[in-house]
Amino acid sequence: MPHISLPEGLPGISSGFAFRPETAKPMRELAHVLLHGPNTLSPGERELIATYVSSQNDCYFCQSSHGAAAAAHLAQNPAIVELVKHDFLDAPISDKLKALLAIAGQVQQGGKHVTTQAVDAARKQGATDLEIHDTVLIAAAFCMYNRYVDGLATWQPQDRAMYASMGEHLATYGYLTPSLKS
């Protein structure tokens, strides 16, 4: 049961957004730019970063919804998503993304945990300053989103089909337009 009176029937972050639309707008815009907008990292790679951070924060709603969006971008391959969540070093992803996920994991622990060695390793794998910047910002933003969802004790359904539908919507339309199911 949520800690405050949130709109009923809306899962996860959607209920907080509906409760306070004026804060939802910039939060949606940030997610849209980071995960759906033009970038040298694919939308699937950026969704994997969000999913990984959310799994490390143990936010069921965010790791499920963004994992479903990543799977939608990655030709419906949820196995890659699960590997990234549990052991990204053995996942069938690029070495550059592995290096960026290492940075994202350091951000998740705390901003000062990011090491020069991790940044140098990402650069060695071809990561640009923009990709390193956006990885750090995705990780930091998802720490905020995860804490927002869990801090209000939002309703987080267990229905995988609902998350798959939500992931398809996010992969197709991005974050500016709410899903009819979310």
N, C-alpha and C. Protein backbone atom coordinates (compact mmCIF):
# COMPACT_ATOMS: atom_id res chain seq x y z
N MET A 1 0.85 -1.18 0.00
CA MET A 1 0.00 0.00 0.00
C MET A 1 0.90 1.25 0.00
N PRO A 2 0.63 2.19 -0.91
CA PRO A 2 1.45 3.39 -0.97
C PRO A 2 1.44 4.18 0.33
N HIS A 3 2.51 4.89 0.56
CA HIS A 3 2.64 5.70 1.78
C HIS A 3 1.75 6.93 1.77
N ILE A 4 1.37 7.39 0.58
CA ILE A 4 0.46 8.53 0.47
C ILE A 4 -0.69 8.11 -0.45
N SER A 5 -1.69 8.93 -0.54
CA SER A 5 -2.86 8.61 -1.37
C SER A 5 -2.56 8.90 -2.84
N LEU A 6 -2.11 7.85 -3.55
CA LEU A 6 -1.81 7.96 -4.97
C LEU A 6 -3.00 7.50 -5.79
N PRO A 7 -3.11 7.94 -7.04
CA PRO A 7 -4.19 7.46 -7.90
C PRO A 7 -4.14 5.93 -8.01
N GLU A 8 -5.28 5.30 -7.86
CA GLU A 8 -5.34 3.84 -7.89
C GLU A 8 -5.26 3.31 -9.31
N GLY A 9 -4.73 2.11 -9.42
CA GLY A 9 -4.68 1.41 -10.69
C GLY A 9 -3.52 1.80 -11.59
N LEU A 10 -2.68 2.72 -11.16
CA LEU A 10 -1.52 3.12 -11.95
C LEU A 10 -0.27 2.52 -11.31
N PRO A 11 0.50 1.74 -12.06
CA PRO A 11 1.66 1.08 -11.47
C PRO A 11 2.88 1.99 -11.39
N GLY A 12 3.71 1.72 -10.40
CA GLY A 12 5.02 2.34 -10.29
C GLY A 12 5.02 3.84 -10.40
N ILE A 13 5.95 4.33 -11.21
CA ILE A 13 6.17 5.76 -11.33
C ILE A 13 4.95 6.49 -11.90
N SER A 14 4.11 5.77 -12.65
CA SER A 14 2.92 6.39 -13.25
C SER A 14 2.01 7.01 -12.21
N SER A 15 1.92 6.37 -11.04
CA SER A 15 1.04 6.91 -10.00
C SER A 15 1.61 8.19 -9.41
N GLY A 16 2.93 8.23 -9.23
CA GLY A 16 3.56 9.47 -8.76
C GLY A 16 3.43 10.58 -9.79
N PHE A 17 3.59 10.23 -11.05
CA PHE A 17 3.43 11.22 -12.11
C PHE A 17 2.01 11.77 -12.14
N ALA A 18 1.03 10.90 -11.98
CA ALA A 18 -0.36 11.36 -11.99
C ALA A 18 -0.66 12.22 -10.75
N PHE A 19 -0.04 11.89 -9.63
CA PHE A 19 -0.24 12.65 -8.40
C PHE A 19 0.28 14.08 -8.54
N ARG A 20 1.42 14.22 -9.24
CA ARG A 20 2.04 15.55 -9.36
C ARG A 20 2.54 15.76 -10.80
N PRO A 21 1.62 16.07 -11.71
CA PRO A 21 1.97 16.20 -13.12
C PRO A 21 3.03 17.27 -13.42
N GLU A 22 3.08 18.31 -12.61
CA GLU A 22 4.05 19.36 -12.88
C GLU A 22 5.49 18.90 -12.65
N THR A 23 5.71 17.90 -11.80
CA THR A 23 7.06 17.33 -11.67
C THR A 23 7.24 16.18 -12.65
N ALA A 24 6.15 15.56 -13.07
CA ALA A 24 6.24 14.47 -14.05
C ALA A 24 6.79 14.96 -15.38
N LYS A 25 6.39 16.14 -15.79
CA LYS A 25 6.79 16.65 -17.10
C LYS A 25 8.31 16.69 -17.27
N PRO A 26 9.07 17.35 -16.38
CA PRO A 26 10.52 17.36 -16.58
C PRO A 26 11.16 15.98 -16.37
N MET A 27 10.58 15.16 -15.51
CA MET A 27 11.13 13.82 -15.30
C MET A 27 10.95 12.97 -16.56
N ARG A 28 9.78 13.08 -17.19
CA ARG A 28 9.55 12.37 -18.46
C ARG A 28 10.47 12.89 -19.56
N GLU A 29 10.62 14.21 -19.62
CA GLU A 29 11.49 14.79 -20.65
C GLU A 29 12.93 14.33 -20.49
N LEU A 30 13.42 14.27 -19.26
CA LEU A 30 14.78 13.80 -19.02
C LEU A 30 14.92 12.34 -19.46
N ALA A 31 13.98 11.50 -19.07
CA ALA A 31 14.04 10.08 -19.47
C ALA A 31 14.00 9.96 -21.00
N HIS A 32 13.19 10.77 -21.64
CA HIS A 32 13.06 10.71 -23.09
C HIS A 32 14.39 11.07 -23.78
N VAL A 33 15.01 12.15 -23.34
CA VAL A 33 16.29 12.56 -23.93
C VAL A 33 17.34 11.48 -23.69
N LEU A 34 17.43 10.99 -22.47
CA LEU A 34 18.48 10.03 -22.13
C LEU A 34 18.29 8.66 -22.78
N LEU A 35 17.05 8.19 -22.88
CA LEU A 35 16.83 6.81 -23.32
C LEU A 35 16.30 6.68 -24.73
N HIS A 36 15.68 7.72 -25.25
CA HIS A 36 14.99 7.59 -26.54
C HIS A 36 15.50 8.56 -27.60
N GLY A 37 16.13 9.63 -27.17
CA GLY A 37 16.59 10.64 -28.12
C GLY A 37 17.81 10.21 -28.91
N PRO A 38 18.22 11.03 -29.87
CA PRO A 38 19.40 10.71 -30.67
C PRO A 38 20.64 10.54 -29.78
N ASN A 39 21.46 9.55 -30.11
CA ASN A 39 22.64 9.26 -29.32
C ASN A 39 23.49 8.26 -30.09
N THR A 40 24.77 8.21 -29.78
CA THR A 40 25.62 7.20 -30.40
C THR A 40 25.45 5.84 -29.74
N LEU A 41 24.92 5.80 -28.53
CA LEU A 41 24.53 4.53 -27.91
C LEU A 41 23.10 4.23 -28.38
N SER A 42 22.84 2.99 -28.70
CA SER A 42 21.50 2.63 -29.16
C SER A 42 20.50 2.76 -28.01
N PRO A 43 19.21 2.92 -28.33
CA PRO A 43 18.20 2.93 -27.26
C PRO A 43 18.25 1.64 -26.43
N GLY A 44 18.51 0.51 -27.06
CA GLY A 44 18.61 -0.75 -26.31
C GLY A 44 19.75 -0.73 -25.31
N GLU A 45 20.90 -0.18 -25.71
CA GLU A 45 22.03 -0.09 -24.79
C GLU A 45 21.71 0.83 -23.62
N ARG A 46 21.07 1.95 -23.92
CA ARG A 46 20.73 2.90 -22.85
C ARG A 46 19.68 2.31 -21.91
N GLU A 47 18.73 1.56 -22.45
CA GLU A 47 17.74 0.89 -21.61
C GLU A 47 18.42 -0.18 -20.74
N LEU A 48 19.44 -0.83 -21.27
CA LEU A 48 20.18 -1.81 -20.46
C LEU A 48 20.89 -1.14 -19.29
N ILE A 49 21.42 0.05 -19.50
CA ILE A 49 22.05 0.79 -18.40
C ILE A 49 21.00 1.10 -17.34
N ALA A 50 19.84 1.60 -17.75
CA ALA A 50 18.76 1.91 -16.80
C ALA A 50 18.31 0.65 -16.07
N THR A 51 18.20 -0.45 -16.80
CA THR A 51 17.77 -1.71 -16.20
C THR A 51 18.78 -2.21 -15.19
N TYR A 52 20.05 -2.16 -15.56
CA TYR A 52 21.10 -2.64 -14.65
C TYR A 52 21.09 -1.85 -13.35
N VAL A 53 21.07 -0.53 -13.45
CA VAL A 53 21.06 0.31 -12.25
C VAL A 53 19.82 0.01 -11.41
N SER A 54 18.67 -0.11 -12.06
CA SER A 54 17.42 -0.40 -11.33
C SER A 54 17.48 -1.76 -10.65
N SER A 55 18.12 -2.73 -11.28
CA SER A 55 18.24 -4.05 -10.64
C SER A 55 19.18 -3.97 -9.44
N GLN A 56 20.25 -3.19 -9.57
CA GLN A 56 21.17 -3.03 -8.45
C GLN A 56 20.50 -2.30 -7.28
N ASN A 57 19.55 -1.43 -7.60
CA ASN A 57 18.78 -0.72 -6.57
C ASN A 57 17.58 -1.53 -6.09
N ASP A 58 17.37 -2.70 -6.67
CA ASP A 58 16.27 -3.60 -6.31
C ASP A 58 14.91 -2.93 -6.49
N CYS A 59 14.77 -2.15 -7.56
CA CYS A 59 13.49 -1.52 -7.89
C CYS A 59 12.78 -2.40 -8.92
N TYR A 60 11.84 -3.18 -8.48
CA TYR A 60 11.18 -4.15 -9.34
C TYR A 60 10.49 -3.49 -10.53
N PHE A 61 9.75 -2.43 -10.29
CA PHE A 61 9.01 -1.77 -11.36
C PHE A 61 9.94 -1.27 -12.46
N CYS A 62 10.99 -0.55 -12.08
CA CYS A 62 11.89 0.04 -13.08
C CYS A 62 12.71 -1.02 -13.80
N GLN A 63 13.22 -2.01 -13.08
CA GLN A 63 14.00 -3.03 -13.78
C GLN A 63 13.11 -3.86 -14.69
N SER A 64 11.85 -4.03 -14.35
CA SER A 64 10.93 -4.79 -15.20
C SER A 64 10.48 -3.99 -16.42
N SER A 65 10.10 -2.73 -16.21
CA SER A 65 9.62 -1.93 -17.34
C SER A 65 10.75 -1.57 -18.29
N HIS A 66 11.90 -1.19 -17.77
CA HIS A 66 13.01 -0.82 -18.65
C HIS A 66 13.69 -2.06 -19.23
N GLY A 67 13.64 -3.16 -18.50
CA GLY A 67 14.12 -4.42 -19.07
C GLY A 67 13.26 -4.84 -20.24
N ALA A 68 11.96 -4.63 -20.13
CA ALA A 68 11.05 -4.95 -21.24
C ALA A 68 11.29 -4.02 -22.42
N ALA A 69 11.58 -2.74 -22.15
CA ALA A 69 11.89 -1.81 -23.24
C ALA A 69 13.21 -2.22 -23.91
N ALA A 70 14.20 -2.60 -23.12
CA ALA A 70 15.47 -3.07 -23.69
C ALA A 70 15.23 -4.29 -24.56
N ALA A 71 14.44 -5.25 -24.06
CA ALA A 71 14.15 -6.46 -24.84
C ALA A 71 13.45 -6.11 -26.14
N ALA A 72 12.55 -5.14 -26.10
CA ALA A 72 11.85 -4.72 -27.32
C ALA A 72 12.84 -4.14 -28.34
N HIS A 73 13.79 -3.38 -27.86
CA HIS A 73 14.81 -2.82 -28.75
C HIS A 73 15.77 -3.89 -29.27
N LEU A 74 15.97 -4.93 -28.48
CA LEU A 74 16.95 -5.97 -28.80
C LEU A 74 16.29 -7.19 -29.40
N ALA A 75 15.33 -6.97 -30.28
CA ALA A 75 14.65 -8.07 -31.00
C ALA A 75 14.03 -9.08 -30.05
N GLN A 76 13.36 -8.56 -29.03
CA GLN A 76 12.63 -9.41 -28.08
C GLN A 76 13.53 -10.46 -27.43
N ASN A 77 14.71 -10.03 -26.97
CA ASN A 77 15.63 -10.97 -26.35
C ASN A 77 15.78 -10.69 -24.86
N PRO A 78 14.82 -11.19 -24.05
CA PRO A 78 14.90 -10.95 -22.61
C PRO A 78 16.07 -11.68 -21.95
N ALA A 79 16.64 -12.68 -22.61
CA ALA A 79 17.77 -13.40 -22.03
C ALA A 79 18.97 -12.47 -21.85
N ILE A 80 19.21 -11.59 -22.82
CA ILE A 80 20.31 -10.63 -22.69
C ILE A 80 20.06 -9.71 -21.50
N VAL A 81 18.82 -9.28 -21.35
CA VAL A 81 18.48 -8.39 -20.23
C VAL A 81 18.79 -9.07 -18.91
N GLU A 82 18.38 -10.31 -18.76
CA GLU A 82 18.63 -11.04 -17.51
C GLU A 82 20.12 -11.23 -17.27
N LEU A 83 20.88 -11.53 -18.33
CA LEU A 83 22.33 -11.67 -18.17
C LEU A 83 22.96 -10.36 -17.72
N VAL A 84 22.54 -9.26 -18.32
CA VAL A 84 23.09 -7.95 -17.93
C VAL A 84 22.77 -7.67 -16.47
N LYS A 85 21.57 -7.96 -16.03
CA LYS A 85 21.19 -7.69 -14.65
C LYS A 85 22.02 -8.51 -13.66
N HIS A 86 22.36 -9.74 -14.02
CA HIS A 86 23.00 -10.64 -13.05
C HIS A 86 24.51 -10.78 -13.23
N ASP A 87 25.03 -10.61 -14.45
CA ASP A 87 26.46 -10.76 -14.69
C ASP A 87 26.80 -10.17 -16.06
N PHE A 88 26.83 -8.84 -16.13
CA PHE A 88 27.00 -8.20 -17.44
C PHE A 88 28.32 -8.54 -18.10
N LEU A 89 29.32 -8.92 -17.32
CA LEU A 89 30.62 -9.26 -17.93
C LEU A 89 30.54 -10.49 -18.82
N ASP A 90 29.59 -11.38 -18.55
CA ASP A 90 29.42 -12.58 -19.38
C ASP A 90 28.28 -12.44 -20.38
N ALA A 91 27.64 -11.28 -20.44
CA ALA A 91 26.53 -11.07 -21.37
C ALA A 91 27.07 -10.85 -22.79
N PRO A 92 26.30 -11.23 -23.80
CA PRO A 92 26.72 -11.03 -25.19
C PRO A 92 26.48 -9.58 -25.66
N ILE A 93 27.23 -8.67 -25.04
CA ILE A 93 27.15 -7.25 -25.37
C ILE A 93 28.58 -6.78 -25.67
N SER A 94 28.70 -5.59 -26.22
CA SER A 94 30.02 -5.07 -26.60
C SER A 94 30.88 -4.82 -25.36
N ASP A 95 32.19 -4.85 -25.58
CA ASP A 95 33.11 -4.52 -24.49
C ASP A 95 32.92 -3.07 -24.05
N LYS A 96 32.57 -2.20 -25.00
CA LYS A 96 32.31 -0.80 -24.63
C LYS A 96 31.13 -0.72 -23.67
N LEU A 97 30.04 -1.43 -23.97
CA LEU A 97 28.89 -1.38 -23.07
C LEU A 97 29.23 -1.99 -21.71
N LYS A 98 30.02 -3.04 -21.69
CA LYS A 98 30.45 -3.61 -20.41
C LYS A 98 31.21 -2.58 -19.59
N ALA A 99 32.10 -1.82 -20.25
CA ALA A 99 32.86 -0.79 -19.54
C ALA A 99 31.94 0.33 -19.03
N LEU A 100 30.95 0.69 -19.84
CA LEU A 100 29.99 1.72 -19.41
C LEU A 100 29.13 1.21 -18.26
N LEU A 101 28.74 -0.06 -18.29
CA LEU A 101 27.96 -0.63 -17.19
C LEU A 101 28.78 -0.65 -15.89
N ALA A 102 30.08 -0.85 -16.01
CA ALA A 102 30.92 -0.78 -14.81
C ALA A 102 30.86 0.62 -14.21
N ILE A 103 30.90 1.64 -15.06
CA ILE A 103 30.77 3.02 -14.57
C ILE A 103 29.39 3.23 -13.95
N ALA A 104 28.35 2.75 -14.63
CA ALA A 104 26.99 2.90 -14.10
C ALA A 104 26.86 2.26 -12.72
N GLY A 105 27.48 1.10 -12.54
CA GLY A 105 27.45 0.43 -11.25
C GLY A 105 28.17 1.23 -10.17
N GLN A 106 29.25 1.89 -10.56
CA GLN A 106 29.95 2.75 -9.60
C GLN A 106 29.09 3.95 -9.22
N VAL A 107 28.41 4.55 -10.19
CA VAL A 107 27.51 5.66 -9.90
C VAL A 107 26.40 5.20 -8.95
N GLN A 108 25.87 4.01 -9.21
CA GLN A 108 24.79 3.48 -8.37
C GLN A 108 25.24 3.37 -6.91
N GLN A 109 26.50 3.05 -6.71
CA GLN A 109 27.04 2.96 -5.34
C GLN A 109 27.23 4.35 -4.72
N GLY A 110 27.51 5.32 -5.55
CA GLY A 110 27.74 6.70 -5.10
C GLY A 110 28.62 7.40 -6.11
N GLY A 111 28.33 8.64 -6.41
CA GLY A 111 29.06 9.36 -7.44
C GLY A 111 30.56 9.36 -7.26
N LYS A 112 31.02 9.42 -6.04
CA LYS A 112 32.46 9.45 -5.79
C LYS A 112 33.11 8.09 -5.95
N HIS A 113 32.32 7.06 -6.22
CA HIS A 113 32.88 5.72 -6.46
C HIS A 113 33.37 5.55 -7.89
N VAL A 114 33.02 6.48 -8.77
CA VAL A 114 33.48 6.39 -10.16
C VAL A 114 34.98 6.64 -10.17
N THR A 115 35.71 5.70 -10.78
CA THR A 115 37.16 5.79 -10.79
C THR A 115 37.70 6.24 -12.14
N THR A 116 38.86 6.85 -12.10
CA THR A 116 39.56 7.21 -13.32
C THR A 116 39.85 5.96 -14.14
N GLN A 117 40.16 4.87 -13.48
CA GLN A 117 40.45 3.62 -14.17
C GLN A 117 39.23 3.14 -14.96
N ALA A 118 38.05 3.25 -14.39
CA ALA A 118 36.84 2.82 -15.09
C ALA A 118 36.57 3.70 -16.30
N VAL A 119 36.78 4.99 -16.16
CA VAL A 119 36.58 5.92 -17.28
C VAL A 119 37.62 5.64 -18.36
N ASP A 120 38.88 5.44 -17.95
CA ASP A 120 39.92 5.12 -18.93
C ASP A 120 39.62 3.81 -19.65
N ALA A 121 39.11 2.83 -18.93
CA ALA A 121 38.77 1.54 -19.55
C ALA A 121 37.66 1.72 -20.58
N ALA A 122 36.68 2.56 -20.27
CA ALA A 122 35.59 2.82 -21.23
C ALA A 122 36.14 3.53 -22.47
N ARG A 123 37.01 4.49 -22.26
CA ARG A 123 37.62 5.19 -23.40
C ARG A 123 38.43 4.21 -24.26
N LYS A 124 39.14 3.32 -23.61
CA LYS A 124 39.94 2.32 -24.34
C LYS A 124 39.06 1.44 -25.22
N GLN A 125 37.80 1.25 -24.81
CA GLN A 125 36.85 0.45 -25.60
C GLN A 125 36.09 1.30 -26.62
N GLY A 126 36.47 2.58 -26.73
CA GLY A 126 35.86 3.44 -27.74
C GLY A 126 34.76 4.35 -27.24
N ALA A 127 34.50 4.40 -25.94
CA ALA A 127 33.45 5.28 -25.41
C ALA A 127 33.88 6.75 -25.55
N THR A 128 32.94 7.55 -26.00
CA THR A 128 33.18 8.99 -26.14
C THR A 128 32.84 9.70 -24.83
N ASP A 129 33.24 10.95 -24.75
CA ASP A 129 32.88 11.74 -23.57
C ASP A 129 31.36 11.85 -23.42
N LEU A 130 30.66 11.99 -24.54
CA LEU A 130 29.19 12.06 -24.48
C LEU A 130 28.61 10.75 -23.94
N GLU A 131 29.13 9.63 -24.38
CA GLU A 131 28.61 8.34 -23.90
C GLU A 131 28.92 8.14 -22.42
N ILE A 132 30.10 8.57 -21.98
CA ILE A 132 30.43 8.47 -20.55
C ILE A 132 29.52 9.40 -19.76
N HIS A 133 29.35 10.63 -20.24
CA HIS A 133 28.45 11.59 -19.58
C HIS A 133 27.06 11.01 -19.45
N ASP A 134 26.51 10.52 -20.56
CA ASP A 134 25.14 10.04 -20.54
C ASP A 134 24.99 8.78 -19.69
N THR A 135 26.01 7.94 -19.64
CA THR A 135 25.97 6.77 -18.75
C THR A 135 25.87 7.21 -17.30
N VAL A 136 26.70 8.18 -16.93
CA VAL A 136 26.66 8.69 -15.55
C VAL A 136 25.29 9.31 -15.26
N LEU A 137 24.76 10.09 -16.21
CA LEU A 137 23.48 10.75 -15.97
C LEU A 137 22.32 9.74 -15.95
N ILE A 138 22.35 8.74 -16.82
CA ILE A 138 21.31 7.69 -16.78
C ILE A 138 21.36 6.99 -15.43
N ALA A 139 22.55 6.62 -14.98
CA ALA A 139 22.67 5.93 -13.70
C ALA A 139 22.19 6.80 -12.54
N ALA A 140 22.59 8.06 -12.54
CA ALA A 140 22.16 8.97 -11.48
C ALA A 140 20.65 9.20 -11.51
N ALA A 141 20.11 9.42 -12.71
CA ALA A 141 18.67 9.64 -12.84
C ALA A 141 17.89 8.42 -12.38
N PHE A 142 18.38 7.23 -12.73
CA PHE A 142 17.64 6.04 -12.32
C PHE A 142 17.75 5.75 -10.85
N CYS A 143 18.81 6.20 -10.20
CA CYS A 143 18.81 6.13 -8.74
C CYS A 143 17.67 6.98 -8.19
N MET A 144 17.47 8.17 -8.78
CA MET A 144 16.37 9.04 -8.36
C MET A 144 15.03 8.39 -8.68
N TYR A 145 14.84 7.94 -9.93
CA TYR A 145 13.56 7.33 -10.30
C TYR A 145 13.26 6.11 -9.42
N ASN A 146 14.26 5.27 -9.18
CA ASN A 146 14.06 4.08 -8.36
C ASN A 146 13.64 4.45 -6.94
N ARG A 147 14.28 5.45 -6.39
CA ARG A 147 13.95 5.85 -5.02
C ARG A 147 12.59 6.54 -4.95
N TYR A 148 12.20 7.20 -6.02
CA TYR A 148 10.88 7.81 -6.11
C TYR A 148 9.80 6.72 -6.10
N VAL A 149 9.98 5.71 -6.94
CA VAL A 149 9.01 4.61 -7.04
C VAL A 149 8.93 3.85 -5.72
N ASP A 150 10.07 3.46 -5.18
CA ASP A 150 10.08 2.66 -3.95
C ASP A 150 9.83 3.49 -2.70
N GLY A 151 10.27 4.76 -2.72
CA GLY A 151 10.08 5.61 -1.54
C GLY A 151 8.63 5.93 -1.26
N LEU A 152 7.79 5.90 -2.31
CA LEU A 152 6.35 6.10 -2.12
C LEU A 152 5.61 4.78 -1.94
N ALA A 153 6.34 3.67 -2.03
CA ALA A 153 5.75 2.32 -1.94
C ALA A 153 4.64 2.15 -2.97
N THR A 154 4.96 2.53 -4.21
CA THR A 154 3.96 2.44 -5.28
C THR A 154 3.58 0.99 -5.55
N TRP A 155 2.44 0.81 -6.19
CA TRP A 155 1.95 -0.50 -6.59
C TRP A 155 2.83 -1.00 -7.73
N GLN A 156 3.39 -2.20 -7.56
CA GLN A 156 4.27 -2.77 -8.56
C GLN A 156 3.78 -4.17 -8.91
N PRO A 157 2.90 -4.25 -9.90
CA PRO A 157 2.32 -5.55 -10.25
C PRO A 157 3.39 -6.54 -10.72
N GLN A 158 3.07 -7.81 -10.63
CA GLN A 158 3.99 -8.87 -11.01
C GLN A 158 3.72 -9.42 -12.41
N ASP A 159 2.74 -8.90 -13.10
CA ASP A 159 2.31 -9.41 -14.41
C ASP A 159 3.33 -9.09 -15.49
N ARG A 160 4.08 -10.10 -15.94
CA ARG A 160 5.11 -9.93 -16.96
C ARG A 160 4.53 -9.40 -18.28
N ALA A 161 3.31 -9.82 -18.62
CA ALA A 161 2.68 -9.36 -19.87
C ALA A 161 2.44 -7.86 -19.83
N MET A 162 2.09 -7.33 -18.67
CA MET A 162 1.89 -5.90 -18.54
C MET A 162 3.19 -5.16 -18.80
N TYR A 163 4.30 -5.67 -18.24
CA TYR A 163 5.59 -5.03 -18.46
C TYR A 163 6.02 -5.15 -19.92
N ALA A 164 5.75 -6.28 -20.56
CA ALA A 164 6.10 -6.45 -21.98
C ALA A 164 5.36 -5.40 -22.82
N SER A 165 4.09 -5.19 -22.53
CA SER A 165 3.30 -4.19 -23.25
C SER A 165 3.85 -2.79 -22.99
N MET A 166 4.18 -2.51 -21.75
CA MET A 166 4.74 -1.22 -21.39
C MET A 166 6.09 -1.02 -22.09
N GLY A 167 6.91 -2.06 -22.13
CA GLY A 167 8.21 -1.97 -22.79
C GLY A 167 8.08 -1.69 -24.27
N GLU A 168 7.11 -2.32 -24.92
CA GLU A 168 6.85 -2.06 -26.35
C GLU A 168 6.47 -0.59 -26.55
N HIS A 169 5.59 -0.09 -25.69
CA HIS A 169 5.17 1.31 -25.78
C HIS A 169 6.37 2.24 -25.62
N LEU A 170 7.19 1.99 -24.60
CA LEU A 170 8.35 2.85 -24.35
C LEU A 170 9.34 2.79 -25.51
N ALA A 171 9.57 1.60 -26.03
CA ALA A 171 10.51 1.45 -27.14
C ALA A 171 10.01 2.15 -28.40
N THR A 172 8.71 2.15 -28.60
CA THR A 172 8.13 2.74 -29.80
C THR A 172 7.95 4.26 -29.68
N TYR A 173 7.40 4.69 -28.57
CA TYR A 173 7.00 6.10 -28.43
C TYR A 173 7.88 6.93 -27.50
N GLY A 174 8.68 6.27 -26.67
CA GLY A 174 9.50 7.01 -25.73
C GLY A 174 8.76 7.34 -24.46
N TYR A 175 9.15 8.44 -23.84
CA TYR A 175 8.71 8.74 -22.47
C TYR A 175 7.82 9.95 -22.33
N LEU A 176 7.55 10.64 -23.42
CA LEU A 176 6.76 11.87 -23.31
C LEU A 176 5.26 11.57 -23.23
N THR A 177 4.84 10.47 -23.85
CA THR A 177 3.42 10.12 -23.88
C THR A 177 3.18 8.92 -22.96
N PRO A 178 2.36 9.08 -21.94
CA PRO A 178 2.11 7.94 -21.05
C PRO A 178 1.43 6.79 -21.81
N SER A 179 1.77 5.59 -21.42
CA SER A 179 1.11 4.41 -21.95
C SER A 179 -0.30 4.36 -21.39
N LEU A 180 -1.23 3.89 -22.17
CA LEU A 180 -2.60 3.73 -21.67
C LEU A 180 -2.66 2.68 -20.57
N LYS A 181 -1.68 1.79 -20.53
CA LYS A 181 -1.67 0.73 -19.53
C LYS A 181 -0.81 1.09 -18.33
N SER A 182 -0.14 2.22 -18.37
CA SER A 182 0.70 2.59 -17.21
C SER A 182 0.16 3.81 -16.53
